[in-house]
């Protein structure tokens, strides 16, 4: 999915909502090129999952510390 990222400037990268069926909004990653290389492909996929949620407001944003996974707290 990283191959579909469009470089907007030195620190902003965008996935257009046409990148994946079901995306309601664009997704943006804030990172320099070195950090972008280190971001897991699954994290980028997860960002597009968020862009598919109903009612989401554009754009969804992944910050430089983005990573794959979620926090599941059991009480």
PDB file of N, CA and C in Angstrom:
ATOM      1  N   UNK A   1       0.822  -1.190   0.000  1.00  0.00           N
ATOM      2  CA  UNK A   1       0.000   0.000   0.000  1.00  0.00           C
ATOM      3  C   UNK A   1       0.874   1.265   0.000  1.00  0.00           C
ATOM      4  N   UNK A   2       2.088   1.159   0.549  1.00  0.00           N
ATOM      5  CA  UNK A   2       2.977   2.328   0.570  1.00  0.00           C
ATOM      6  C   UNK A   2       3.285   2.834  -0.833  1.00  0.00           C
ATOM      7  N   UNK A   3       3.271   1.930  -1.797  1.00  0.00           N
ATOM      8  CA  UNK A   3       3.585   2.336  -3.170  1.00  0.00           C
ATOM      9  C   UNK A   3       2.548   3.309  -3.723  1.00  0.00           C
ATOM     10  N   UNK A   4       1.387   3.385  -3.095  1.00  0.00           N
ATOM     11  CA  UNK A   4       0.329   4.301  -3.535  1.00  0.00           C
ATOM     12  C   UNK A   4       0.398   5.670  -2.867  1.00  0.00           C
ATOM     13  N   UNK A   5       1.345   5.846  -1.953  1.00  0.00           N
ATOM     14  CA  UNK A   5       1.464   7.128  -1.262  1.00  0.00           C
ATOM     15  C   UNK A   5       1.946   8.222  -2.213  1.00  0.00           C
ATOM     16  N   UNK A   6       1.291   9.356  -2.144  1.00  0.00           N
ATOM     17  CA  UNK A   6       1.680  10.527  -2.933  1.00  0.00           C
ATOM     18  C   UNK A   6       2.377  11.510  -1.997  1.00  0.00           C
ATOM     19  N   UNK A   7       3.581  11.910  -2.352  1.00  0.00           N
ATOM     20  CA  UNK A   7       4.335  12.860  -1.546  1.00  0.00           C
ATOM     21  C   UNK A   7       3.783  14.263  -1.768  1.00  0.00           C
ATOM     22  N   UNK A   8       3.308  14.878  -0.694  1.00  0.00           N
ATOM     23  CA  UNK A   8       2.784  16.242  -0.781  1.00  0.00           C
ATOM     24  C   UNK A   8       3.872  17.272  -0.514  1.00  0.00           C
ATOM     25  N   UNK A   9       4.733  16.964   0.439  1.00  0.00           N
ATOM     26  CA  UNK A   9       5.902  17.787   0.750  1.00  0.00           C
ATOM     27  C   UNK A   9       6.862  16.907   1.544  1.00  0.00           C
ATOM     28  N   UNK A  10       7.883  17.488   2.132  1.00  0.00           N
ATOM     29  CA  UNK A  10       8.920  16.709   2.807  1.00  0.00           C
ATOM     30  C   UNK A  10       8.385  15.838   3.948  1.00  0.00           C
ATOM     31  N   UNK A  11       7.258  16.212   4.527  1.00  0.00           N
ATOM     32  CA  UNK A  11       6.749  15.507   5.706  1.00  0.00           C
ATOM     33  C   UNK A  11       5.318  14.993   5.580  1.00  0.00           C
ATOM     34  N   UNK A  12       4.675  15.196   4.454  1.00  0.00           N
ATOM     35  CA  UNK A  12       3.288  14.756   4.301  1.00  0.00           C
ATOM     36  C   UNK A  12       3.143  13.825   3.104  1.00  0.00           C
ATOM     37  N   UNK A  13       2.459  12.702   3.342  1.00  0.00           N
ATOM     38  CA  UNK A  13       2.222  11.687   2.329  1.00  0.00           C
ATOM     39  C   UNK A  13       0.736  11.368   2.343  1.00  0.00           C
ATOM     40  N   UNK A  14       0.139  11.161   1.178  1.00  0.00           N
ATOM     41  CA  UNK A  14      -1.302  10.968   1.115  1.00  0.00           C
ATOM     42  C   UNK A  14      -1.683   9.720   0.332  1.00  0.00           C
ATOM     43  N   UNK A  15      -2.699   9.031   0.847  1.00  0.00           N
ATOM     44  CA  UNK A  15      -3.366   7.951   0.132  1.00  0.00           C
ATOM     45  C   UNK A  15      -4.744   8.476  -0.247  1.00  0.00           C
ATOM     46  N   UNK A  16      -4.998   8.571  -1.522  1.00  0.00           N
ATOM     47  CA  UNK A  16      -6.299   9.032  -1.991  1.00  0.00           C
ATOM     48  C   UNK A  16      -7.360   7.988  -1.655  1.00  0.00           C
ATOM     49  N   UNK A  17      -8.577   8.453  -1.428  1.00  0.00           N
ATOM     50  CA  UNK A  17      -9.649   7.532  -1.052  1.00  0.00           C
ATOM     51  C   UNK A  17      -9.990   6.535  -2.162  1.00  0.00           C
ATOM     52  N   UNK A  18      -9.496   6.759  -3.364  1.00  0.00           N
ATOM     53  CA  UNK A  18      -9.694   5.792  -4.445  1.00  0.00           C
ATOM     54  C   UNK A  18      -8.678   4.642  -4.386  1.00  0.00           C
ATOM     55  N   UNK A  19      -7.739   4.718  -3.442  1.00  0.00           N
ATOM     56  CA  UNK A  19      -6.699   3.700  -3.316  1.00  0.00           C
ATOM     57  C   UNK A  19      -7.279   2.330  -2.997  1.00  0.00           C
ATOM     58  N   UNK A  20      -8.323   2.319  -2.185  1.00  0.00           N
ATOM     59  CA  UNK A  20      -8.905   1.057  -1.725  1.00  0.00           C
ATOM     60  C   UNK A  20     -10.425   1.191  -1.741  1.00  0.00           C
ATOM     61  N   UNK A  21     -11.120   0.187  -2.254  1.00  0.00           N
ATOM     62  CA  UNK A  21     -12.585   0.232  -2.216  1.00  0.00           C
ATOM     63  C   UNK A  21     -13.084   0.368  -0.776  1.00  0.00           C
ATOM     64  N   UNK A  22     -14.044   1.246  -0.589  1.00  0.00           N
ATOM     65  CA  UNK A  22     -14.630   1.419   0.729  1.00  0.00           C
ATOM     66  C   UNK A  22     -14.086   2.597   1.516  1.00  0.00           C
ATOM     67  N   UNK A  23     -12.971   3.156   1.065  1.00  0.00           N
ATOM     68  CA  UNK A  23     -12.428   4.320   1.775  1.00  0.00           C
ATOM     69  C   UNK A  23     -13.360   5.506   1.558  1.00  0.00           C
ATOM     70  N   UNK A  24     -13.786   6.130   2.644  1.00  0.00           N
ATOM     71  CA  UNK A  24     -14.672   7.287   2.572  1.00  0.00           C
ATOM     72  C   UNK A  24     -13.925   8.611   2.492  1.00  0.00           C
ATOM     73  N   UNK A  25     -12.687   8.618   2.969  1.00  0.00           N
ATOM     74  CA  UNK A  25     -11.881   9.840   3.007  1.00  0.00           C
ATOM     75  C   UNK A  25     -10.430   9.518   2.667  1.00  0.00           C
ATOM     76  N   UNK A  26      -9.654  10.543   2.385  1.00  0.00           N
ATOM     77  CA  UNK A  26      -8.224  10.381   2.162  1.00  0.00           C
ATOM     78  C   UNK A  26      -7.528  10.071   3.483  1.00  0.00           C
ATOM     79  N   UNK A  27      -6.365   9.446   3.377  1.00  0.00           N
ATOM     80  CA  UNK A  27      -5.526   9.167   4.551  1.00  0.00           C
ATOM     81  C   UNK A  27      -4.201   9.891   4.358  1.00  0.00           C
ATOM     82  N   UNK A  28      -3.681  10.423   5.440  1.00  0.00           N
ATOM     83  CA  UNK A  28      -2.430  11.172   5.378  1.00  0.00           C
ATOM     84  C   UNK A  28      -1.472  10.638   6.433  1.00  0.00           C
ATOM     85  N   UNK A  29      -0.199  10.555   6.074  1.00  0.00           N
ATOM     86  CA  UNK A  29       0.852  10.171   7.023  1.00  0.00           C
ATOM     87  C   UNK A  29       1.802  11.356   7.152  1.00  0.00           C
ATOM     88  N   UNK A  30       2.113  11.695   8.391  1.00  0.00           N
ATOM     89  CA  UNK A  30       3.067  12.763   8.676  1.00  0.00           C
ATOM     90  C   UNK A  30       4.373  12.095   9.101  1.00  0.00           C
ATOM     91  N   UNK A  31       5.386  12.170   8.253  1.00  0.00           N
ATOM     92  CA  UNK A  31       6.671  11.531   8.549  1.00  0.00           C
ATOM     93  C   UNK A  31       7.687  11.937   7.485  1.00  0.00           C
ATOM     94  N   UNK A  32       8.959  11.931   7.863  1.00  0.00           N
ATOM     95  CA  UNK A  32       9.983  12.134   6.836  1.00  0.00           C
ATOM     96  C   UNK A  32      10.217  10.802   6.126  1.00  0.00           C
ATOM     97  N   UNK A  33      10.993  10.799   5.069  1.00  0.00           N
ATOM     98  CA  UNK A  33      11.155   9.582   4.263  1.00  0.00           C
ATOM     99  C   UNK A  33      11.814   8.446   5.044  1.00  0.00           C
ATOM    100  N   UNK A  34      12.729   8.751   5.943  1.00  0.00           N
ATOM    101  CA  UNK A  34      13.378   7.699   6.746  1.00  0.00           C
ATOM    102  C   UNK A  34      12.381   7.020   7.673  1.00  0.00           C
ATOM    103  N   UNK A  35      11.559   7.812   8.319  1.00  0.00           N
ATOM    104  CA  UNK A  35      10.556   7.245   9.218  1.00  0.00           C
ATOM    105  C   UNK A  35       9.501   6.491   8.425  1.00  0.00           C
ATOM    106  N   UNK A  36       9.100   7.026   7.287  1.00  0.00           N
ATOM    107  CA  UNK A  36       8.103   6.355   6.459  1.00  0.00           C
ATOM    108  C   UNK A  36       8.560   4.944   6.083  1.00  0.00           C
ATOM    109  N   UNK A  37       9.831   4.792   5.767  1.00  0.00           N
ATOM    110  CA  UNK A  37      10.361   3.466   5.414  1.00  0.00           C
ATOM    111  C   UNK A  37      10.218   2.482   6.564  1.00  0.00           C
ATOM    112  N   UNK A  38      10.292   2.980   7.799  1.00  0.00           N
ATOM    113  CA  UNK A  38      10.235   2.113   8.975  1.00  0.00           C
ATOM    114  C   UNK A  38       8.798   1.776   9.408  1.00  0.00           C
ATOM    115  N   UNK A  39       7.831   2.510   8.901  1.00  0.00           N
ATOM    116  CA  UNK A  39       6.436   2.248   9.275  1.00  0.00           C
ATOM    117  C   UNK A  39       5.989   0.933   8.645  1.00  0.00           C
ATOM    118  N   UNK A  40       5.388   0.092   9.464  1.00  0.00           N
ATOM    119  CA  UNK A  40       4.947  -1.232   9.011  1.00  0.00           C
ATOM    120  C   UNK A  40       3.842  -1.111   7.965  1.00  0.00           C
ATOM    121  N   UNK A  41       3.887  -2.002   6.971  1.00  0.00           N
ATOM    122  CA  UNK A  41       2.841  -2.024   5.953  1.00  0.00           C
ATOM    123  C   UNK A  41       1.471  -2.267   6.582  1.00  0.00           C
ATOM    124  N   UNK A  42       1.424  -3.095   7.613  1.00  0.00           N
ATOM    125  CA  UNK A  42       0.159  -3.362   8.297  1.00  0.00           C
ATOM    126  C   UNK A  42      -0.389  -2.099   8.965  1.00  0.00           C
ATOM    127  N   UNK A  43       0.479  -1.209   9.388  1.00  0.00           N
ATOM    128  CA  UNK A  43       0.028   0.049   9.992  1.00  0.00           C
ATOM    129  C   UNK A  43      -0.637   0.933   8.940  1.00  0.00           C
ATOM    130  N   UNK A  44      -0.091   0.938   7.743  1.00  0.00           N
ATOM    131  CA  UNK A  44      -0.692   1.715   6.651  1.00  0.00           C
ATOM    132  C   UNK A  44      -2.045   1.102   6.281  1.00  0.00           C
ATOM    133  N   UNK A  45      -2.119  -0.220   6.260  1.00  0.00           N
ATOM    134  CA  UNK A  45      -3.385  -0.906   5.995  1.00  0.00           C
ATOM    135  C   UNK A  45      -4.416  -0.542   7.065  1.00  0.00           C
ATOM    136  N   UNK A  46      -3.991  -0.515   8.310  1.00  0.00           N
ATOM    137  CA  UNK A  46      -4.883  -0.157   9.412  1.00  0.00           C
ATOM    138  C   UNK A  46      -5.380   1.282   9.259  1.00  0.00           C
ATOM    139  N   UNK A  47      -4.531   2.166   8.782  1.00  0.00           N
ATOM    140  CA  UNK A  47      -4.943   3.549   8.548  1.00  0.00           C
ATOM    141  C   UNK A  47      -6.049   3.606   7.498  1.00  0.00           C
ATOM    142  N   UNK A  48      -5.931   2.784   6.458  1.00  0.00           N
ATOM    143  CA  UNK A  48      -6.997   2.750   5.452  1.00  0.00           C
ATOM    144  C   UNK A  48      -8.266   2.123   6.023  1.00  0.00           C
ATOM    145  N   UNK A  49      -8.136   1.214   6.974  1.00  0.00           N
ATOM    146  CA  UNK A  49      -9.322   0.666   7.645  1.00  0.00           C
ATOM    147  C   UNK A  49     -10.100   1.785   8.325  1.00  0.00           C
ATOM    148  N   UNK A  50      -9.388   2.676   8.991  1.00  0.00           N
ATOM    149  CA  UNK A  50     -10.029   3.807   9.667  1.00  0.00           C
ATOM    150  C   UNK A  50     -10.720   4.703   8.646  1.00  0.00           C
ATOM    151  N   UNK A  51     -10.104   4.881   7.490  1.00  0.00           N
ATOM    152  CA  UNK A  51     -10.692   5.719   6.441  1.00  0.00           C
ATOM    153  C   UNK A  51     -11.984   5.115   5.882  1.00  0.00           C
ATOM    154  N   UNK A  52     -12.236   3.853   6.181  1.00  0.00           N
ATOM    155  CA  UNK A  52     -13.459   3.185   5.727  1.00  0.00           C
ATOM    156  C   UNK A  52     -14.602   3.291   6.729  1.00  0.00           C
ATOM    157  N   UNK A  53     -14.336   3.781   7.915  1.00  0.00           N
ATOM    158  CA  UNK A  53     -15.373   3.851   8.940  1.00  0.00           C
ATOM    159  C   UNK A  53     -16.450   4.868   8.565  1.00  0.00           C
ATOM    160  N   UNK A  54     -17.708   4.558   8.900  1.00  0.00           N
ATOM    161  CA  UNK A  54     -18.767   5.524   8.616  1.00  0.00           C
ATOM    162  C   UNK A  54     -18.622   6.759   9.507  1.00  0.00           C
ATOM    163  N   UNK A  55     -18.880   7.910   8.937  1.00  0.00           N
ATOM    164  CA  UNK A  55     -18.848   9.148   9.702  1.00  0.00           C
ATOM    165  C   UNK A  55     -17.470   9.725   9.941  1.00  0.00           C
ATOM    166  N   UNK A  56     -16.433   9.110   9.412  1.00  0.00           N
ATOM    167  CA  UNK A  56     -15.079   9.619   9.612  1.00  0.00           C
ATOM    168  C   UNK A  56     -14.925  10.945   8.865  1.00  0.00           C
ATOM    169  N   UNK A  57     -14.131  11.839   9.430  1.00  0.00           N
ATOM    170  CA  UNK A  57     -13.914  13.163   8.841  1.00  0.00           C
ATOM    171  C   UNK A  57     -12.518  13.205   8.223  1.00  0.00           C
ATOM    172  N   UNK A  58     -12.426  13.814   7.077  1.00  0.00           N
ATOM    173  CA  UNK A  58     -11.196  13.836   6.294  1.00  0.00           C
ATOM    174  C   UNK A  58     -10.194  14.843   6.819  1.00  0.00           C
ATOM    175  N   UNK A  59      -8.930  14.520   6.728  1.00  0.00           N
ATOM    176  CA  UNK A  59      -8.373  13.213   6.439  1.00  0.00           C
ATOM    177  C   UNK A  59      -8.134  12.438   7.733  1.00  0.00           C
ATOM    178  N   UNK A  60      -7.987  11.130   7.623  1.00  0.00           N
ATOM    179  CA  UNK A  60      -7.481  10.386   8.772  1.00  0.00           C
ATOM    180  C   UNK A  60      -5.968  10.547   8.725  1.00  0.00           C
ATOM    181  N   UNK A  61      -5.346  10.642   9.879  1.00  0.00           N
ATOM    182  CA  UNK A  61      -3.920  10.971   9.924  1.00  0.00           C
ATOM    183  C   UNK A  61      -3.151   9.946  10.738  1.00  0.00           C
ATOM    184  N   UNK A  62      -2.048   9.491  10.175  1.00  0.00           N
ATOM    185  CA  UNK A  62      -1.088   8.649  10.880  1.00  0.00           C
ATOM    186  C   UNK A  62       0.128   9.485  11.216  1.00  0.00           C
ATOM    187  N   UNK A  63       0.512   9.472  12.481  1.00  0.00           N
ATOM    188  CA  UNK A  63       1.663  10.253  12.935  1.00  0.00           C
ATOM    189  C   UNK A  63       2.935   9.410  12.881  1.00  0.00           C
ATOM    190  N   UNK A  64       4.117  10.012  13.040  1.00  0.00           N
ATOM    191  CA  UNK A  64       5.379   9.287  12.859  1.00  0.00           C
ATOM    192  C   UNK A  64       5.544   8.045  13.733  1.00  0.00           C
ATOM    193  N   UNK A  65       4.853   7.990  14.863  1.00  0.00           N
ATOM    194  CA  UNK A  65       4.992   6.816  15.730  1.00  0.00           C
ATOM    195  C   UNK A  65       3.913   5.760  15.473  1.00  0.00           C
ATOM    196  N   UNK A  66       3.216   5.860  14.339  1.00  0.00           N
ATOM    197  CA  UNK A  66       2.142   4.894  14.051  1.00  0.00           C
ATOM    198  C   UNK A  66       2.715   3.486  13.954  1.00  0.00           C
ATOM    199  N   UNK A  67       1.905   2.547  14.400  1.00  0.00           N
ATOM    200  CA  UNK A  67       2.297   1.142  14.340  1.00  0.00           C
ATOM    201  C   UNK A  67       1.043   0.304  14.243  1.00  0.00           C
ATOM    202  N   UNK A  68       1.204  -0.933  13.824  1.00  0.00           N
ATOM    203  CA  UNK A  68       0.081  -1.830  13.686  1.00  0.00           C
ATOM    204  C   UNK A  68      -0.348  -2.344  15.054  1.00  0.00           C
ATOM    205  N   UNK A  69      -1.625  -2.558  15.204  1.00  0.00           N
ATOM    206  CA  UNK A  69      -2.145  -3.169  16.419  1.00  0.00           C
ATOM    207  C   UNK A  69      -3.178  -2.305  17.075  1.00  0.00           C
ATOM    208  N   UNK A  70      -3.707  -2.818  18.130  1.00  0.00           N
ATOM    209  CA  UNK A  70      -4.695  -2.076  18.899  1.00  0.00           C
ATOM    210  C   UNK A  70      -4.540  -2.445  20.359  1.00  0.00           C
ATOM    211  N   UNK A  71      -5.092  -1.620  21.196  1.00  0.00           N
ATOM    212  CA  UNK A  71      -5.026  -1.856  22.636  1.00  0.00           C
ATOM    213  C   UNK A  71      -6.333  -2.475  23.065  1.00  0.00           C
ATOM    214  N   UNK A  72      -6.272  -3.634  23.686  1.00  0.00           N
ATOM    215  CA  UNK A  72      -7.468  -4.325  24.135  1.00  0.00           C
ATOM    216  C   UNK A  72      -7.375  -4.470  25.641  1.00  0.00           C
ATOM    217  N   UNK A  73      -8.205  -3.745  26.337  1.00  0.00           N
ATOM    218  CA  UNK A  73      -8.183  -3.805  27.787  1.00  0.00           C
ATOM    219  C   UNK A  73      -9.383  -4.614  28.265  1.00  0.00           C
ATOM    220  N   UNK A  74      -9.117  -5.653  29.017  1.00  0.00           N
ATOM    221  CA  UNK A  74     -10.192  -6.461  29.592  1.00  0.00           C
ATOM    222  C   UNK A  74     -10.371  -6.086  31.053  1.00  0.00           C
ATOM    223  N   UNK A  75     -11.612  -5.879  31.449  1.00  0.00           N
ATOM    224  CA  UNK A  75     -11.904  -5.526  32.835  1.00  0.00           C
ATOM    225  C   UNK A  75     -12.568  -6.680  33.540  1.00  0.00           C
TER     226      UNK A  75
END
